[in-house]
Amino acid sequence: MTEPIDTLSKEAKNMGLLVHAASFVGYVFPLGSVLGPLIVWLMKRDEFEFANQCGKNCLNFKLSLMIYALVSAILILIGVGVLLLAALALLDVICTIIAMVKASDGIAYQYPLTIRFLK
C-alpha cells in the first residue's frame, strides 16, 4: 500500500473509486467484473495517473480471481471447490470495498493474492 497523495484532485480520487466500483458489474453481467474496470481504466488511464494505478491493481486482482475460480470449479469434483468459491466471492466483495474506501482517500490499494499481469 502506498501513502495518500495529498495533491490528488477530487476527480482523480473519484475515477480511482469508479474503477473499483465498476467491478461489481460482474454480479449482474458475465465477465463484468473484468470488463467494467477495464472500460473505465481504458477511458481514464491517460487522464489520471491515480486511475491508471487503481485500474492495474483492480484488473490484476480480478484476473487472478478468475484463475482461482476456474481452479476451484475443477476442485468441485473432489468436494472442496464449493468452499473455495464461496471464500473467493467473500474475498472479492471485502477487498473491493476496502479498495473503494482507500481510493476515496487517495491510496492505490494493493489487493492480496494478486498475480501481476499488468505492471
PDB file of N, CA and C in Angstrom:
ATOM      1  N   MET A   1       0.836  -1.177   0.000  1.00  0.00           N
ATOM      2  CA  MET A   1       0.000   0.000   0.000  1.00  0.00           C
ATOM      3  C   MET A   1       0.879   1.238   0.000  1.00  0.00           C
ATOM      4  N   THR A   2       0.386   2.242  -0.648  1.00  0.00           N
ATOM      5  CA  THR A   2       1.123   3.489  -0.685  1.00  0.00           C
ATOM      6  C   THR A   2       0.435   4.507   0.199  1.00  0.00           C
ATOM      7  N   GLU A   3       1.161   5.551   0.524  1.00  0.00           N
ATOM      8  CA  GLU A   3       0.607   6.626   1.331  1.00  0.00           C
ATOM      9  C   GLU A   3      -0.332   7.470   0.484  1.00  0.00           C
ATOM     10  N   PRO A   4      -1.288   8.160   1.129  1.00  0.00           N
ATOM     11  CA  PRO A   4      -2.183   9.016   0.353  1.00  0.00           C
ATOM     12  C   PRO A   4      -1.409  10.138  -0.326  1.00  0.00           C
ATOM     13  N   ILE A   5      -1.863  10.476  -1.491  1.00  0.00           N
ATOM     14  CA  ILE A   5      -1.246  11.559  -2.246  1.00  0.00           C
ATOM     15  C   ILE A   5      -2.118  12.787  -2.052  1.00  0.00           C
ATOM     16  N   ASP A   6      -1.589  13.788  -1.333  1.00  0.00           N
ATOM     17  CA  ASP A   6      -2.375  14.959  -0.995  1.00  0.00           C
ATOM     18  C   ASP A   6      -2.714  15.817  -2.202  1.00  0.00           C
ATOM     19  N   THR A   7      -1.942  15.727  -3.260  1.00  0.00           N
ATOM     20  CA  THR A   7      -2.150  16.593  -4.408  1.00  0.00           C
ATOM     21  C   THR A   7      -3.209  16.051  -5.368  1.00  0.00           C
ATOM     22  N   LEU A   8      -3.786  14.901  -5.071  1.00  0.00           N
ATOM     23  CA  LEU A   8      -4.800  14.342  -5.963  1.00  0.00           C
ATOM     24  C   LEU A   8      -6.064  15.183  -5.917  1.00  0.00           C
ATOM     25  N   SER A   9      -6.626  15.408  -7.087  1.00  0.00           N
ATOM     26  CA  SER A   9      -7.886  16.139  -7.144  1.00  0.00           C
ATOM     27  C   SER A   9      -9.024  15.208  -6.739  1.00  0.00           C
ATOM     28  N   LYS A  10     -10.133  15.795  -6.404  1.00  0.00           N
ATOM     29  CA  LYS A  10     -11.316  15.021  -6.042  1.00  0.00           C
ATOM     30  C   LYS A  10     -11.756  14.160  -7.229  1.00  0.00           C
ATOM     31  N   GLU A  11     -11.609  14.705  -8.431  1.00  0.00           N
ATOM     32  CA  GLU A  11     -11.987  13.972  -9.639  1.00  0.00           C
ATOM     33  C   GLU A  11     -11.098  12.744  -9.847  1.00  0.00           C
ATOM     34  N   ALA A  12      -9.796  12.884  -9.588  1.00  0.00           N
ATOM     35  CA  ALA A  12      -8.880  11.751  -9.715  1.00  0.00           C
ATOM     36  C   ALA A  12      -9.242  10.657  -8.712  1.00  0.00           C
ATOM     37  N   LYS A  13      -9.539  11.051  -7.483  1.00  0.00           N
ATOM     38  CA  LYS A  13      -9.942  10.067  -6.465  1.00  0.00           C
ATOM     39  C   LYS A  13     -11.239   9.378  -6.872  1.00  0.00           C
ATOM     40  N   ASN A  14     -12.181  10.161  -7.416  1.00  0.00           N
ATOM     41  CA  ASN A  14     -13.450   9.578  -7.848  1.00  0.00           C
ATOM     42  C   ASN A  14     -13.262   8.589  -8.995  1.00  0.00           C
ATOM     43  N   MET A  15     -12.341   8.883  -9.902  1.00  0.00           N
ATOM     44  CA  MET A  15     -12.076   7.959 -11.011  1.00  0.00           C
ATOM     45  C   MET A  15     -11.437   6.670 -10.492  1.00  0.00           C
ATOM     46  N   GLY A  16     -10.547   6.788  -9.516  1.00  0.00           N
ATOM     47  CA  GLY A  16      -9.972   5.598  -8.897  1.00  0.00           C
ATOM     48  C   GLY A  16     -11.045   4.762  -8.215  1.00  0.00           C
ATOM     49  N   LEU A  17     -11.936   5.425  -7.508  1.00  0.00           N
ATOM     50  CA  LEU A  17     -13.044   4.740  -6.842  1.00  0.00           C
ATOM     51  C   LEU A  17     -13.953   4.085  -7.871  1.00  0.00           C
ATOM     52  N   LEU A  18     -14.220   4.774  -8.972  1.00  0.00           N
ATOM     53  CA  LEU A  18     -15.103   4.240 -10.004  1.00  0.00           C
ATOM     54  C   LEU A  18     -14.523   2.984 -10.656  1.00  0.00           C
ATOM     55  N   VAL A  19     -13.224   2.942 -10.817  1.00  0.00           N
ATOM     56  CA  VAL A  19     -12.584   1.742 -11.387  1.00  0.00           C
ATOM     57  C   VAL A  19     -12.902   0.531 -10.519  1.00  0.00           C
ATOM     58  N   HIS A  20     -12.735   0.694  -9.211  1.00  0.00           N
ATOM     59  CA  HIS A  20     -13.004  -0.426  -8.297  1.00  0.00           C
ATOM     60  C   HIS A  20     -14.497  -0.755  -8.255  1.00  0.00           C
ATOM     61  N   ALA A  21     -15.332   0.270  -8.190  1.00  0.00           N
ATOM     62  CA  ALA A  21     -16.779   0.060  -8.102  1.00  0.00           C
ATOM     63  C   ALA A  21     -17.331  -0.608  -9.354  1.00  0.00           C
ATOM     64  N   ALA A  22     -16.716  -0.340 -10.498  1.00  0.00           N
ATOM     65  CA  ALA A  22     -17.187  -0.926 -11.761  1.00  0.00           C
ATOM     66  C   ALA A  22     -17.079  -2.447 -11.759  1.00  0.00           C
ATOM     67  N   SER A  23     -16.264  -2.985 -10.886  1.00  0.00           N
ATOM     68  CA  SER A  23     -16.114  -4.444 -10.857  1.00  0.00           C
ATOM     69  C   SER A  23     -17.363  -5.137 -10.317  1.00  0.00           C
ATOM     70  N   PHE A  24     -18.229  -4.415  -9.618  1.00  0.00           N
ATOM     71  CA  PHE A  24     -19.464  -5.022  -9.126  1.00  0.00           C
ATOM     72  C   PHE A  24     -20.452  -5.319 -10.256  1.00  0.00           C
ATOM     73  N   VAL A  25     -20.167  -4.829 -11.458  1.00  0.00           N
ATOM     74  CA  VAL A  25     -20.987  -5.151 -12.628  1.00  0.00           C
ATOM     75  C   VAL A  25     -20.965  -6.659 -12.874  1.00  0.00           C
ATOM     76  N   GLY A  26     -19.902  -7.310 -12.427  1.00  0.00           N
ATOM     77  CA  GLY A  26     -19.763  -8.755 -12.603  1.00  0.00           C
ATOM     78  C   GLY A  26     -20.824  -9.563 -11.888  1.00  0.00           C
ATOM     79  N   TYR A  27     -21.489  -8.983 -10.915  1.00  0.00           N
ATOM     80  CA  TYR A  27     -22.555  -9.694 -10.227  1.00  0.00           C
ATOM     81  C   TYR A  27     -23.868  -9.604 -10.994  1.00  0.00           C
ATOM     82  N   VAL A  28     -23.871  -8.836 -12.093  1.00  0.00           N
ATOM     83  CA  VAL A  28     -25.055  -8.702 -12.933  1.00  0.00           C
ATOM     84  C   VAL A  28     -24.815  -9.297 -14.320  1.00  0.00           C
ATOM     85  N   PHE A  29     -23.639  -9.034 -14.904  1.00  0.00           N
ATOM     86  CA  PHE A  29     -23.308  -9.487 -16.245  1.00  0.00           C
ATOM     87  C   PHE A  29     -22.084 -10.401 -16.213  1.00  0.00           C
ATOM     88  N   PRO A  30     -22.096 -11.455 -17.013  1.00  0.00           N
ATOM     89  CA  PRO A  30     -20.908 -12.316 -17.087  1.00  0.00           C
ATOM     90  C   PRO A  30     -19.686 -11.523 -17.546  1.00  0.00           C
ATOM     91  N   LEU A  31     -18.561 -11.780 -16.937  1.00  0.00           N
ATOM     92  CA  LEU A  31     -17.289 -11.109 -17.195  1.00  0.00           C
ATOM     93  C   LEU A  31     -17.312  -9.612 -16.886  1.00  0.00           C
ATOM     94  N   GLY A  32     -18.374  -9.141 -16.283  1.00  0.00           N
ATOM     95  CA  GLY A  32     -18.485  -7.720 -15.938  1.00  0.00           C
ATOM     96  C   GLY A  32     -17.479  -7.277 -14.899  1.00  0.00           C
ATOM     97  N   SER A  33     -17.018  -8.202 -14.067  1.00  0.00           N
ATOM     98  CA  SER A  33     -16.047  -7.829 -13.043  1.00  0.00           C
ATOM     99  C   SER A  33     -14.703  -7.461 -13.647  1.00  0.00           C
ATOM    100  N   VAL A  34     -14.454  -7.899 -14.869  1.00  0.00           N
ATOM    101  CA  VAL A  34     -13.236  -7.509 -15.585  1.00  0.00           C
ATOM    102  C   VAL A  34     -13.550  -6.403 -16.591  1.00  0.00           C
ATOM    103  N   LEU A  35     -14.655  -6.538 -17.304  1.00  0.00           N
ATOM    104  CA  LEU A  35     -14.987  -5.567 -18.348  1.00  0.00           C
ATOM    105  C   LEU A  35     -15.320  -4.184 -17.785  1.00  0.00           C
ATOM    106  N   GLY A  36     -16.016  -4.123 -16.642  1.00  0.00           N
ATOM    107  CA  GLY A  36     -16.356  -2.833 -16.035  1.00  0.00           C
ATOM    108  C   GLY A  36     -15.115  -2.009 -15.715  1.00  0.00           C
ATOM    109  N   PRO A  37     -14.202  -2.546 -14.890  1.00  0.00           N
ATOM    110  CA  PRO A  37     -12.977  -1.793 -14.597  1.00  0.00           C
ATOM    111  C   PRO A  37     -12.120  -1.551 -15.835  1.00  0.00           C
ATOM    112  N   LEU A  38     -12.103  -2.506 -16.765  1.00  0.00           N
ATOM    113  CA  LEU A  38     -11.303  -2.345 -17.976  1.00  0.00           C
ATOM    114  C   LEU A  38     -11.770  -1.144 -18.790  1.00  0.00           C
ATOM    115  N   ILE A  39     -13.064  -0.987 -18.936  1.00  0.00           N
ATOM    116  CA  ILE A  39     -13.607   0.133 -19.708  1.00  0.00           C
ATOM    117  C   ILE A  39     -13.265   1.458 -19.043  1.00  0.00           C
ATOM    118  N   VAL A  40     -13.483   1.554 -17.730  1.00  0.00           N
ATOM    119  CA  VAL A  40     -13.180   2.801 -17.012  1.00  0.00           C
ATOM    120  C   VAL A  40     -11.679   3.076 -17.072  1.00  0.00           C
ATOM    121  N   TRP A  41     -10.874   2.051 -16.859  1.00  0.00           N
ATOM    122  CA  TRP A  41      -9.414   2.211 -16.882  1.00  0.00           C
ATOM    123  C   TRP A  41      -8.932   2.691 -18.252  1.00  0.00           C
ATOM    124  N   LEU A  42      -9.438   2.077 -19.316  1.00  0.00           N
ATOM    125  CA  LEU A  42      -9.012   2.479 -20.660  1.00  0.00           C
ATOM    126  C   LEU A  42      -9.416   3.917 -20.976  1.00  0.00           C
ATOM    127  N   MET A  43     -10.558   4.340 -20.452  1.00  0.00           N
ATOM    128  CA  MET A  43     -11.026   5.701 -20.721  1.00  0.00           C
ATOM    129  C   MET A  43     -10.265   6.748 -19.919  1.00  0.00           C
ATOM    130  N   LYS A  44      -9.813   6.415 -18.711  1.00  0.00           N
ATOM    131  CA  LYS A  44      -9.271   7.425 -17.807  1.00  0.00           C
ATOM    132  C   LYS A  44      -7.787   7.274 -17.472  1.00  0.00           C
ATOM    133  N   ARG A  45      -7.126   6.234 -17.949  1.00  0.00           N
ATOM    134  CA  ARG A  45      -5.737   5.985 -17.549  1.00  0.00           C
ATOM    135  C   ARG A  45      -4.776   7.073 -18.011  1.00  0.00           C
ATOM    136  N   ASP A  46      -5.023   7.663 -19.158  1.00  0.00           N
ATOM    137  CA  ASP A  46      -4.133   8.718 -19.646  1.00  0.00           C
ATOM    138  C   ASP A  46      -4.422  10.061 -18.987  1.00  0.00           C
ATOM    139  N   GLU A  47      -5.650  10.236 -18.543  1.00  0.00           N
ATOM    140  CA  GLU A  47      -6.059  11.498 -17.932  1.00  0.00           C
ATOM    141  C   GLU A  47      -5.662  11.579 -16.458  1.00  0.00           C
ATOM    142  N   PHE A  48      -5.746  10.448 -15.750  1.00  0.00           N
ATOM    143  CA  PHE A  48      -5.452  10.421 -14.316  1.00  0.00           C
ATOM    144  C   PHE A  48      -4.493   9.268 -14.003  1.00  0.00           C
ATOM    145  N   GLU A  49      -3.304   9.581 -13.530  1.00  0.00           N
ATOM    146  CA  GLU A  49      -2.335   8.552 -13.155  1.00  0.00           C
ATOM    147  C   GLU A  49      -2.884   7.685 -12.017  1.00  0.00           C
ATOM    148  N   PHE A  50      -3.638   8.292 -11.110  1.00  0.00           N
ATOM    149  CA  PHE A  50      -4.211   7.537  -9.998  1.00  0.00           C
ATOM    150  C   PHE A  50      -5.202   6.496 -10.515  1.00  0.00           C
ATOM    151  N   ALA A  51      -6.020   6.860 -11.488  1.00  0.00           N
ATOM    152  CA  ALA A  51      -6.952   5.901 -12.089  1.00  0.00           C
ATOM    153  C   ALA A  51      -6.178   4.797 -12.810  1.00  0.00           C
ATOM    154  N   ASN A  52      -5.040   5.133 -13.390  1.00  0.00           N
ATOM    155  CA  ASN A  52      -4.191   4.137 -14.042  1.00  0.00           C
ATOM    156  C   ASN A  52      -3.686   3.115 -13.023  1.00  0.00           C
ATOM    157  N   GLN A  53      -3.192   3.592 -11.881  1.00  0.00           N
ATOM    158  CA  GLN A  53      -2.714   2.690 -10.824  1.00  0.00           C
ATOM    159  C   GLN A  53      -3.848   1.821 -10.300  1.00  0.00           C
ATOM    160  N   CYS A  54      -4.985   2.448 -10.001  1.00  0.00           N
ATOM    161  CA  CYS A  54      -6.132   1.702  -9.470  1.00  0.00           C
ATOM    162  C   CYS A  54      -6.624   0.677 -10.488  1.00  0.00           C
ATOM    163  N   GLY A  55      -6.641   1.053 -11.759  1.00  0.00           N
ATOM    164  CA  GLY A  55      -7.097   0.140 -12.807  1.00  0.00           C
ATOM    165  C   GLY A  55      -6.212  -1.085 -12.930  1.00  0.00           C
ATOM    166  N   LYS A  56      -4.917  -0.875 -12.912  1.00  0.00           N
ATOM    167  CA  LYS A  56      -3.987  -2.008 -12.989  1.00  0.00           C
ATOM    168  C   LYS A  56      -4.158  -2.931 -11.788  1.00  0.00           C
ATOM    169  N   ASN A  57      -4.245  -2.344 -10.594  1.00  0.00           N
ATOM    170  CA  ASN A  57      -4.411  -3.155  -9.388  1.00  0.00           C
ATOM    171  C   ASN A  57      -5.714  -3.944  -9.428  1.00  0.00           C
ATOM    172  N   CYS A  58      -6.788  -3.282  -9.833  1.00  0.00           N
ATOM    173  CA  CYS A  58      -8.096  -3.932  -9.875  1.00  0.00           C
ATOM    174  C   CYS A  58      -8.129  -5.043 -10.929  1.00  0.00           C
ATOM    175  N   LEU A  59      -7.651  -4.749 -12.112  1.00  0.00           N
ATOM    176  CA  LEU A  59      -7.666  -5.753 -13.182  1.00  0.00           C
ATOM    177  C   LEU A  59      -6.788  -6.953 -12.854  1.00  0.00           C
ATOM    178  N   ASN A  60      -5.624  -6.706 -12.262  1.00  0.00           N
ATOM    179  CA  ASN A  60      -4.772  -7.820 -11.846  1.00  0.00           C
ATOM    180  C   ASN A  60      -5.493  -8.715 -10.851  1.00  0.00           C
ATOM    181  N   PHE A  61      -6.182  -8.101  -9.901  1.00  0.00           N
ATOM    182  CA  PHE A  61      -6.907  -8.875  -8.886  1.00  0.00           C
ATOM    183  C   PHE A  61      -8.055  -9.655  -9.512  1.00  0.00           C
ATOM    184  N   LYS A  62      -8.828  -9.012 -10.371  1.00  0.00           N
ATOM    185  CA  LYS A  62      -9.993  -9.678 -10.967  1.00  0.00           C
ATOM    186  C   LYS A  62      -9.562 -10.816 -11.893  1.00  0.00           C
ATOM    187  N   LEU A  63      -8.493 -10.615 -12.643  1.00  0.00           N
ATOM    188  CA  LEU A  63      -7.985 -11.698 -13.491  1.00  0.00           C
ATOM    189  C   LEU A  63      -7.454 -12.854 -12.640  1.00  0.00           C
ATOM    190  N   SER A  64      -6.785 -12.519 -11.544  1.00  0.00           N
ATOM    191  CA  SER A  64      -6.298 -13.556 -10.621  1.00  0.00           C
ATOM    192  C   SER A  64      -7.472 -14.336 -10.046  1.00  0.00           C
ATOM    193  N   LEU A  65      -8.532 -13.621  -9.651  1.00  0.00           N
ATOM    194  CA  LEU A  65      -9.715 -14.292  -9.102  1.00  0.00           C
ATOM    195  C   LEU A  65     -10.358 -15.224 -10.124  1.00  0.00           C
ATOM    196  N   MET A  66     -10.351 -14.816 -11.382  1.00  0.00           N
ATOM    197  CA  MET A  66     -10.921 -15.686 -12.418  1.00  0.00           C
ATOM    198  C   MET A  66     -10.142 -16.989 -12.514  1.00  0.00           C
ATOM    199  N   ILE A  67      -8.828 -16.915 -12.421  1.00  0.00           N
ATOM    200  CA  ILE A  67      -7.994 -18.127 -12.454  1.00  0.00           C
ATOM    201  C   ILE A  67      -8.285 -18.986 -11.227  1.00  0.00           C
ATOM    202  N   TYR A  68      -8.338 -18.348 -10.051  1.00  0.00           N
ATOM    203  CA  TYR A  68      -8.623 -19.098  -8.822  1.00  0.00           C
ATOM    204  C   TYR A  68     -10.011 -19.733  -8.873  1.00  0.00           C
ATOM    205  N   ALA A  69     -10.979 -19.031  -9.453  1.00  0.00           N
ATOM    206  CA  ALA A  69     -12.339 -19.567  -9.558  1.00  0.00           C
ATOM    207  C   ALA A  69     -12.383 -20.759 -10.515  1.00  0.00           C
ATOM    208  N   LEU A  70     -11.612 -20.688 -11.584  1.00  0.00           N
ATOM    209  CA  LEU A  70     -11.552 -21.810 -12.525  1.00  0.00           C
ATOM    210  C   LEU A  70     -10.971 -23.047 -11.848  1.00  0.00           C
ATOM    211  N   VAL A  71      -9.910 -22.857 -11.095  1.00  0.00           N
ATOM    212  CA  VAL A  71      -9.307 -23.971 -10.357  1.00  0.00           C
ATOM    213  C   VAL A  71     -10.293 -24.505  -9.315  1.00  0.00           C
ATOM    214  N   SER A  72     -10.984 -23.604  -8.635  1.00  0.00           N
ATOM    215  CA  SER A  72     -11.966 -24.017  -7.629  1.00  0.00           C
ATOM    216  C   SER A  72     -13.119 -24.781  -8.272  1.00  0.00           C
ATOM    217  N   ALA A  73     -13.532 -24.358  -9.459  1.00  0.00           N
ATOM    218  CA  ALA A  73     -14.609 -25.061 -10.153  1.00  0.00           C
ATOM    219  C   ALA A  73     -14.195 -26.490 -10.491  1.00  0.00           C
ATOM    220  N   ILE A  74     -12.955 -26.658 -10.863  1.00  0.00           N
ATOM    221  CA  ILE A  74     -12.452 -28.011 -11.137  1.00  0.00           C
ATOM    222  C   ILE A  74     -12.404 -28.826  -9.841  1.00  0.00           C
ATOM    223  N   LEU A  75     -12.043 -28.162  -8.744  1.00  0.00           N
ATOM    224  CA  LEU A  75     -11.947 -28.858  -7.459  1.00  0.00           C
ATOM    225  C   LEU A  75     -13.309 -29.212  -6.850  1.00  0.00           C
ATOM    226  N   ILE A  76     -14.381 -28.769  -7.470  1.00  0.00           N
ATOM    227  CA  ILE A  76     -15.715 -29.178  -7.012  1.00  0.00           C
ATOM    228  C   ILE A  76     -15.850 -30.692  -7.118  1.00  0.00           C
ATOM    229  N   LEU A  77     -15.148 -31.269  -8.069  1.00  0.00           N
ATOM    230  CA  LEU A  77     -15.207 -32.723  -8.259  1.00  0.00           C
ATOM    231  C   LEU A  77     -14.730 -33.491  -7.032  1.00  0.00           C
ATOM    232  N   ILE A  78     -13.829 -32.894  -6.239  1.00  0.00           N
ATOM    233  CA  ILE A  78     -13.374 -33.589  -5.034  1.00  0.00           C
ATOM    234  C   ILE A  78     -13.979 -32.985  -3.769  1.00  0.00           C
ATOM    235  N   GLY A  79     -14.876 -32.037  -3.928  1.00  0.00           N
ATOM    236  CA  GLY A  79     -15.641 -31.551  -2.788  1.00  0.00           C
ATOM    237  C   GLY A  79     -15.213 -30.246  -2.158  1.00  0.00           C
ATOM    238  N   VAL A  80     -14.003 -29.799  -2.369  1.00  0.00           N
ATOM    239  CA  VAL A  80     -13.553 -28.575  -1.707  1.00  0.00           C
ATOM    240  C   VAL A  80     -13.798 -27.316  -2.539  1.00  0.00           C
ATOM    241  N   GLY A  81     -14.141 -27.499  -3.798  1.00  0.00           N
ATOM    242  CA  GLY A  81     -14.312 -26.369  -4.696  1.00  0.00           C
ATOM    243  C   GLY A  81     -15.423 -25.420  -4.290  1.00  0.00           C
ATOM    244  N   VAL A  82     -16.495 -25.957  -3.750  1.00  0.00           N
ATOM    245  CA  VAL A  82     -17.619 -25.107  -3.343  1.00  0.00           C
ATOM    246  C   VAL A  82     -17.191 -24.155  -2.229  1.00  0.00           C
ATOM    247  N   LEU A  83     -16.460 -24.668  -1.258  1.00  0.00           N
ATOM    248  CA  LEU A  83     -15.974 -23.816  -0.167  1.00  0.00           C
ATOM    249  C   LEU A  83     -14.995 -22.765  -0.676  1.00  0.00           C
ATOM    250  N   LEU A  84     -14.135 -23.164  -1.593  1.00  0.00           N
ATOM    251  CA  LEU A  84     -13.174 -22.219  -2.162  1.00  0.00           C
ATOM    252  C   LEU A  84     -13.880 -21.129  -2.961  1.00  0.00           C
ATOM    253  N   LEU A  85     -14.908 -21.490  -3.727  1.00  0.00           N
ATOM    254  CA  LEU A  85     -15.660 -20.492  -4.492  1.00  0.00           C
ATOM    255  C   LEU A  85     -16.357 -19.498  -3.561  1.00  0.00           C
ATOM    256  N   ALA A  86     -16.911 -20.008  -2.477  1.00  0.00           N
ATOM    257  CA  ALA A  86     -17.566 -19.116  -1.502  1.00  0.00           C
ATOM    258  C   ALA A  86     -16.544 -18.175  -0.867  1.00  0.00           C
ATOM    259  N   ALA A  87     -15.376 -18.713  -0.530  1.00  0.00           N
ATOM    260  CA  ALA A  87     -14.319 -17.883   0.064  1.00  0.00           C
ATOM    261  C   ALA A  87     -13.826 -16.833  -0.932  1.00  0.00           C
ATOM    262  N   LEU A  88     -13.722 -17.189  -2.198  1.00  0.00           N
ATOM    263  CA  LEU A  88     -13.291 -16.239  -3.224  1.00  0.00           C
ATOM    264  C   LEU A  88     -14.313 -15.126  -3.412  1.00  0.00           C
ATOM    265  N   ALA A  89     -15.590 -15.482  -3.391  1.00  0.00           N
ATOM    266  CA  ALA A  89     -16.643 -14.465  -3.533  1.00  0.00           C
ATOM    267  C   ALA A  89     -16.594 -13.483  -2.365  1.00  0.00           C
ATOM    268  N   LEU A  90     -16.402 -14.006  -1.166  1.00  0.00           N
ATOM    269  CA  LEU A  90     -16.312 -13.147   0.021  1.00  0.00           C
ATOM    270  C   LEU A  90     -15.064 -12.272  -0.042  1.00  0.00           C
ATOM    271  N   LEU A  91     -13.942 -12.848  -0.433  1.00  0.00           N
ATOM    272  CA  LEU A  91     -12.702 -12.090  -0.592  1.00  0.00           C
ATOM    273  C   LEU A  91     -12.873 -10.980  -1.620  1.00  0.00           C
ATOM    274  N   ASP A  92     -13.548 -11.276  -2.709  1.00  0.00           N
ATOM    275  CA  ASP A  92     -13.784 -10.292  -3.760  1.00  0.00           C
ATOM    276  C   ASP A  92     -14.564  -9.094  -3.233  1.00  0.00           C
ATOM    277  N   VAL A  93     -15.661  -9.340  -2.569  1.00  0.00           N
ATOM    278  CA  VAL A  93     -16.505  -8.249  -2.072  1.00  0.00           C
ATOM    279  C   VAL A  93     -15.765  -7.422  -1.021  1.00  0.00           C
ATOM    280  N   ILE A  94     -15.151  -8.091  -0.062  1.00  0.00           N
ATOM    281  CA  ILE A  94     -14.467  -7.372   1.022  1.00  0.00           C
ATOM    282  C   ILE A  94     -13.305  -6.540   0.488  1.00  0.00           C
ATOM    283  N   CYS A  95     -12.475  -7.144  -0.344  1.00  0.00           N
ATOM    284  CA  CYS A  95     -11.305  -6.421  -0.869  1.00  0.00           C
ATOM    285  C   CYS A  95     -11.709  -5.279  -1.785  1.00  0.00           C
ATOM    286  N   THR A  96     -12.764  -5.461  -2.555  1.00  0.00           N
ATOM    287  CA  THR A  96     -13.213  -4.389  -3.444  1.00  0.00           C
ATOM    288  C   THR A  96     -13.746  -3.214  -2.639  1.00  0.00           C
ATOM    289  N   ILE A  97     -14.474  -3.480  -1.578  1.00  0.00           N
ATOM    290  CA  ILE A  97     -14.968  -2.394  -0.731  1.00  0.00           C
ATOM    291  C   ILE A  97     -13.803  -1.670  -0.062  1.00  0.00           C
ATOM    292  N   ILE A  98     -12.826  -2.416   0.419  1.00  0.00           N
ATOM    293  CA  ILE A  98     -11.635  -1.794   1.018  1.00  0.00           C
ATOM    294  C   ILE A  98     -10.924  -0.925  -0.022  1.00  0.00           C
ATOM    295  N   ALA A  99     -10.784  -1.436  -1.242  1.00  0.00           N
ATOM    296  CA  ALA A  99     -10.121  -0.681  -2.311  1.00  0.00           C
ATOM    297  C   ALA A  99     -10.876   0.599  -2.631  1.00  0.00           C
ATOM    298  N   MET A 100     -12.204   0.552  -2.602  1.00  0.00           N
ATOM    299  CA  MET A 100     -13.004   1.745  -2.870  1.00  0.00           C
ATOM    300  C   MET A 100     -12.794   2.794  -1.782  1.00  0.00           C
ATOM    301  N   VAL A 101     -12.761   2.363  -0.541  1.00  0.00           N
ATOM    302  CA  VAL A 101     -12.539   3.296   0.571  1.00  0.00           C
ATOM    303  C   VAL A 101     -11.147   3.903   0.478  1.00  0.00           C
ATOM    304  N   LYS A 102     -10.153   3.061   0.200  1.00  0.00           N
ATOM    305  CA  LYS A 102      -8.775   3.553   0.064  1.00  0.00           C
ATOM    306  C   LYS A 102      -8.660   4.534  -1.104  1.00  0.00           C
ATOM    307  N   ALA A 103      -9.314   4.230  -2.226  1.00  0.00           N
ATOM    308  CA  ALA A 103      -9.257   5.121  -3.385  1.00  0.00           C
ATOM    309  C   ALA A 103      -9.871   6.477  -3.066  1.00  0.00           C
ATOM    310  N   SER A 104     -10.937   6.486  -2.292  1.00  0.00           N
ATOM    311  CA  SER A 104     -11.550   7.766  -1.931  1.00  0.00           C
ATOM    312  C   SER A 104     -10.637   8.582  -1.019  1.00  0.00           C
ATOM    313  N   ASP A 105      -9.685   7.904  -0.359  1.00  0.00           N
ATOM    314  CA  ASP A 105      -8.686   8.589   0.469  1.00  0.00           C
ATOM    315  C   ASP A 105      -7.417   8.914  -0.310  1.00  0.00           C
ATOM    316  N   GLY A 106      -7.358   8.502  -1.569  1.00  0.00           N
ATOM    317  CA  GLY A 106      -6.187   8.789  -2.400  1.00  0.00           C
ATOM    318  C   GLY A 106      -5.086   7.757  -2.303  1.00  0.00           C
ATOM    319  N   ILE A 107      -5.432   6.535  -1.878  1.00  0.00           N
ATOM    320  CA  ILE A 107      -4.446   5.463  -1.744  1.00  0.00           C
ATOM    321  C   ILE A 107      -4.742   4.395  -2.797  1.00  0.00           C
ATOM    322  N   ALA A 108      -3.741   4.026  -3.572  1.00  0.00           N
ATOM    323  CA  ALA A 108      -3.878   2.954  -4.568  1.00  0.00           C
ATOM    324  C   ALA A 108      -3.711   1.623  -3.839  1.00  0.00           C
ATOM    325  N   TYR A 109      -4.815   0.957  -3.556  1.00  0.00           N
ATOM    326  CA  TYR A 109      -4.828  -0.275  -2.768  1.00  0.00           C
ATOM    327  C   TYR A 109      -4.216  -1.437  -3.542  1.00  0.00           C
ATOM    328  N   GLN A 110      -3.337  -2.170  -2.887  1.00  0.00           N
ATOM    329  CA  GLN A 110      -2.755  -3.389  -3.453  1.00  0.00           C
ATOM    330  C   GLN A 110      -3.553  -4.582  -2.922  1.00  0.00           C
ATOM    331  N   TYR A 111      -4.304  -5.215  -3.794  1.00  0.00           N
ATOM    332  CA  TYR A 111      -5.113  -6.362  -3.412  1.00  0.00           C
ATOM    333  C   TYR A 111      -4.224  -7.543  -3.004  1.00  0.00           C
ATOM    334  N   PRO A 112      -4.705  -8.358  -2.061  1.00  0.00           N
ATOM    335  CA  PRO A 112      -3.937  -9.562  -1.698  1.00  0.00           C
ATOM    336  C   PRO A 112      -4.110 -10.671  -2.750  1.00  0.00           C
ATOM    337  N   LEU A 113      -3.214 -11.631  -2.752  1.00  0.00           N
ATOM    338  CA  LEU A 113      -3.276 -12.813  -3.612  1.00  0.00           C
ATOM    339  C   LEU A 113      -3.352 -12.467  -5.098  1.00  0.00           C
ATOM    340  N   THR A 114      -2.692 -11.400  -5.491  1.00  0.00           N
ATOM    341  CA  THR A 114      -2.779 -10.918  -6.856  1.00  0.00           C
ATOM    342  C   THR A 114      -1.570 -11.337  -7.687  1.00  0.00           C
ATOM    343  N   ILE A 115      -1.858 -11.857  -8.871  1.00  0.00           N
ATOM    344  CA  ILE A 115      -0.817 -12.125  -9.861  1.00  0.00           C
ATOM    345  C   ILE A 115      -0.663 -10.845 -10.673  1.00  0.00           C
ATOM    346  N   ARG A 116       0.558 -10.356 -10.821  1.00  0.00           N
ATOM    347  CA  ARG A 116       0.794  -9.083 -11.506  1.00  0.00           C
ATOM    348  C   ARG A 116       0.884  -9.288 -13.018  1.00  0.00           C
ATOM    349  N   PHE A 117      -0.255  -9.212 -13.707  1.00  0.00           N
ATOM    350  CA  PHE A 117      -0.282  -9.306 -15.155  1.00  0.00           C
ATOM    351  C   PHE A 117       0.097  -7.962 -15.777  1.00  0.00           C
ATOM    352  N   LEU A 118      -0.487  -6.891 -15.266  1.00  0.00           N
ATOM    353  CA  LEU A 118      -0.224  -5.528 -15.741  1.00  0.00           C
ATOM    354  C   LEU A 118       0.711  -4.862 -14.751  1.00  0.00           C
ATOM    355  N   LYS A 119       1.807  -4.303 -15.238  1.00  0.00           N
ATOM    356  CA  LYS A 119       2.766  -3.677 -14.330  1.00  0.00           C
ATOM    357  C   LYS A 119       2.835  -2.199 -14.552  1.00  0.00           C
TER     358      LYS A 119
END
